[in-house]
Amino acid sequence: MSHLDGLALAEKIRNSEVTPTKLIEEAFKKLSQKIRHLILSLPHVFQKR
């Protein structure tokens, strides 16, 4: 996340378009998607060896 993204987020929070809870939920969703992707790609990595 770049500094500009952070500023945009801070501005959204100030304008209360986005609540901190929503931000956490979004971040958690993205994180769980990445984790799921990693888990799904693990067998593929091991097959290459």
N, C-alpha and C. Protein backbone atom coordinates (compact mmCIF):
# COMPACT_ATOMS: atom_id res chain seq x y z
N MET A 1 0.84 -1.19 0.00
CA MET A 1 0.00 0.00 0.00
C MET A 1 0.88 1.24 0.00
N SER A 2 0.64 2.11 -0.96
CA SER A 2 1.47 3.31 -1.05
C SER A 2 0.97 4.39 -0.10
N HIS A 3 1.77 5.42 0.07
CA HIS A 3 1.42 6.52 0.96
C HIS A 3 0.14 7.21 0.48
N LEU A 4 0.01 7.35 -0.84
CA LEU A 4 -1.18 8.00 -1.41
C LEU A 4 -2.45 7.21 -1.09
N ASP A 5 -2.35 5.88 -1.16
CA ASP A 5 -3.50 5.04 -0.81
C ASP A 5 -3.91 5.30 0.62
N GLY A 6 -2.91 5.41 1.50
CA GLY A 6 -3.17 5.67 2.91
C GLY A 6 -3.88 7.00 3.10
N LEU A 7 -3.43 8.01 2.38
CA LEU A 7 -4.07 9.33 2.47
C LEU A 7 -5.52 9.27 1.98
N ALA A 8 -5.73 8.56 0.88
CA ALA A 8 -7.08 8.42 0.34
C ALA A 8 -7.98 7.71 1.34
N LEU A 9 -7.44 6.67 2.00
CA LEU A 9 -8.21 5.95 3.00
C LEU A 9 -8.54 6.84 4.18
N ALA A 10 -7.55 7.60 4.64
CA ALA A 10 -7.75 8.51 5.76
C ALA A 10 -8.84 9.52 5.43
N GLU A 11 -8.82 10.01 4.20
CA GLU A 11 -9.83 10.97 3.75
C GLU A 11 -11.21 10.34 3.75
N LYS A 12 -11.29 9.10 3.27
CA LYS A 12 -12.59 8.39 3.25
C LYS A 12 -13.12 8.20 4.66
N ILE A 13 -12.21 7.85 5.57
CA ILE A 13 -12.64 7.65 6.96
C ILE A 13 -13.14 8.98 7.53
N ARG A 14 -12.43 10.06 7.24
CA ARG A 14 -12.83 11.37 7.73
C ARG A 14 -14.23 11.72 7.20
N ASN A 15 -14.46 11.38 5.93
CA ASN A 15 -15.77 11.64 5.33
C ASN A 15 -16.77 10.54 5.72
N SER A 16 -16.28 9.61 6.50
CA SER A 16 -17.07 8.47 7.02
C SER A 16 -17.80 7.69 5.93
N GLU A 17 -17.20 7.62 4.73
CA GLU A 17 -17.74 6.73 3.70
C GLU A 17 -17.40 5.30 4.11
N VAL A 18 -16.22 5.18 4.72
CA VAL A 18 -15.70 3.86 5.07
C VAL A 18 -15.39 3.87 6.57
N THR A 19 -15.92 2.88 7.27
CA THR A 19 -15.63 2.76 8.70
C THR A 19 -14.38 1.90 8.88
N PRO A 20 -13.66 2.08 9.96
CA PRO A 20 -12.48 1.24 10.21
C PRO A 20 -12.83 -0.24 10.17
N THR A 21 -14.02 -0.59 10.66
CA THR A 21 -14.45 -1.99 10.64
C THR A 21 -14.53 -2.50 9.21
N LYS A 22 -15.09 -1.69 8.31
CA LYS A 22 -15.20 -2.08 6.90
C LYS A 22 -13.81 -2.28 6.32
N LEU A 23 -12.89 -1.38 6.66
CA LEU A 23 -11.52 -1.48 6.15
C LEU A 23 -10.89 -2.79 6.59
N ILE A 24 -11.08 -3.12 7.87
CA ILE A 24 -10.51 -4.35 8.40
C ILE A 24 -11.11 -5.55 7.69
N GLU A 25 -12.43 -5.52 7.47
CA GLU A 25 -13.09 -6.62 6.77
C GLU A 25 -12.54 -6.77 5.36
N GLU A 26 -12.36 -5.65 4.65
CA GLU A 26 -11.81 -5.69 3.30
C GLU A 26 -10.40 -6.27 3.30
N ALA A 27 -9.57 -5.79 4.22
CA ALA A 27 -8.20 -6.27 4.32
C ALA A 27 -8.18 -7.76 4.62
N PHE A 28 -9.08 -8.19 5.50
CA PHE A 28 -9.14 -9.60 5.87
C PHE A 28 -9.56 -10.45 4.68
N LYS A 29 -10.53 -9.96 3.90
CA LYS A 29 -10.97 -10.68 2.70
C LYS A 29 -9.81 -10.86 1.74
N LYS A 30 -9.08 -9.77 1.49
CA LYS A 30 -7.95 -9.82 0.55
C LYS A 30 -6.91 -10.80 1.06
N LEU A 31 -6.65 -10.75 2.36
CA LEU A 31 -5.65 -11.63 2.96
C LEU A 31 -6.07 -13.09 2.83
N SER A 32 -7.32 -13.39 3.13
CA SER A 32 -7.78 -14.78 3.06
C SER A 32 -7.78 -15.28 1.62
N GLN A 33 -8.04 -14.38 0.65
CA GLN A 33 -7.97 -14.78 -0.75
C GLN A 33 -6.53 -15.14 -1.12
N LYS A 34 -5.57 -14.33 -0.63
CA LYS A 34 -4.16 -14.60 -0.92
C LYS A 34 -3.73 -15.92 -0.30
N ILE A 35 -4.19 -16.16 0.94
CA ILE A 35 -3.83 -17.40 1.63
C ILE A 35 -4.43 -18.59 0.88
N ARG A 36 -5.69 -18.46 0.46
CA ARG A 36 -6.34 -19.55 -0.28
C ARG A 36 -5.57 -19.82 -1.56
N HIS A 37 -5.16 -18.76 -2.24
CA HIS A 37 -4.41 -18.89 -3.49
C HIS A 37 -3.08 -19.61 -3.24
N LEU A 38 -2.41 -19.24 -2.14
CA LEU A 38 -1.14 -19.88 -1.78
C LEU A 38 -1.33 -21.36 -1.54
N ILE A 39 -2.36 -21.70 -0.76
CA ILE A 39 -2.62 -23.10 -0.44
C ILE A 39 -2.93 -23.88 -1.70
N LEU A 40 -3.72 -23.29 -2.59
CA LEU A 40 -4.08 -23.98 -3.83
C LEU A 40 -2.87 -24.17 -4.74
N SER A 41 -1.91 -23.24 -4.67
CA SER A 41 -0.75 -23.35 -5.56
C SER A 41 0.37 -24.20 -4.96
N LEU A 42 0.25 -24.60 -3.70
CA LEU A 42 1.28 -25.42 -3.06
C LEU A 42 1.50 -26.76 -3.76
N PRO A 43 0.45 -27.54 -4.00
CA PRO A 43 0.67 -28.84 -4.67
C PRO A 43 1.40 -28.67 -5.99
N HIS A 44 1.07 -27.61 -6.72
CA HIS A 44 1.71 -27.34 -8.01
C HIS A 44 3.21 -27.13 -7.83
N VAL A 45 3.59 -26.38 -6.78
CA VAL A 45 5.01 -26.10 -6.50
C VAL A 45 5.74 -27.40 -6.19
N PHE A 46 5.11 -28.26 -5.38
CA PHE A 46 5.78 -29.50 -4.99
C PHE A 46 5.89 -30.47 -6.15
N GLN A 47 4.96 -30.45 -7.09
CA GLN A 47 5.02 -31.34 -8.23
C GLN A 47 6.20 -31.02 -9.13
N LYS A 48 6.60 -29.76 -9.16
CA LYS A 48 7.71 -29.36 -10.03
C LYS A 48 9.03 -29.97 -9.59
N ARG A 49 9.17 -30.24 -8.28
CA ARG A 49 10.46 -30.73 -7.77
C ARG A 49 10.70 -32.18 -8.07
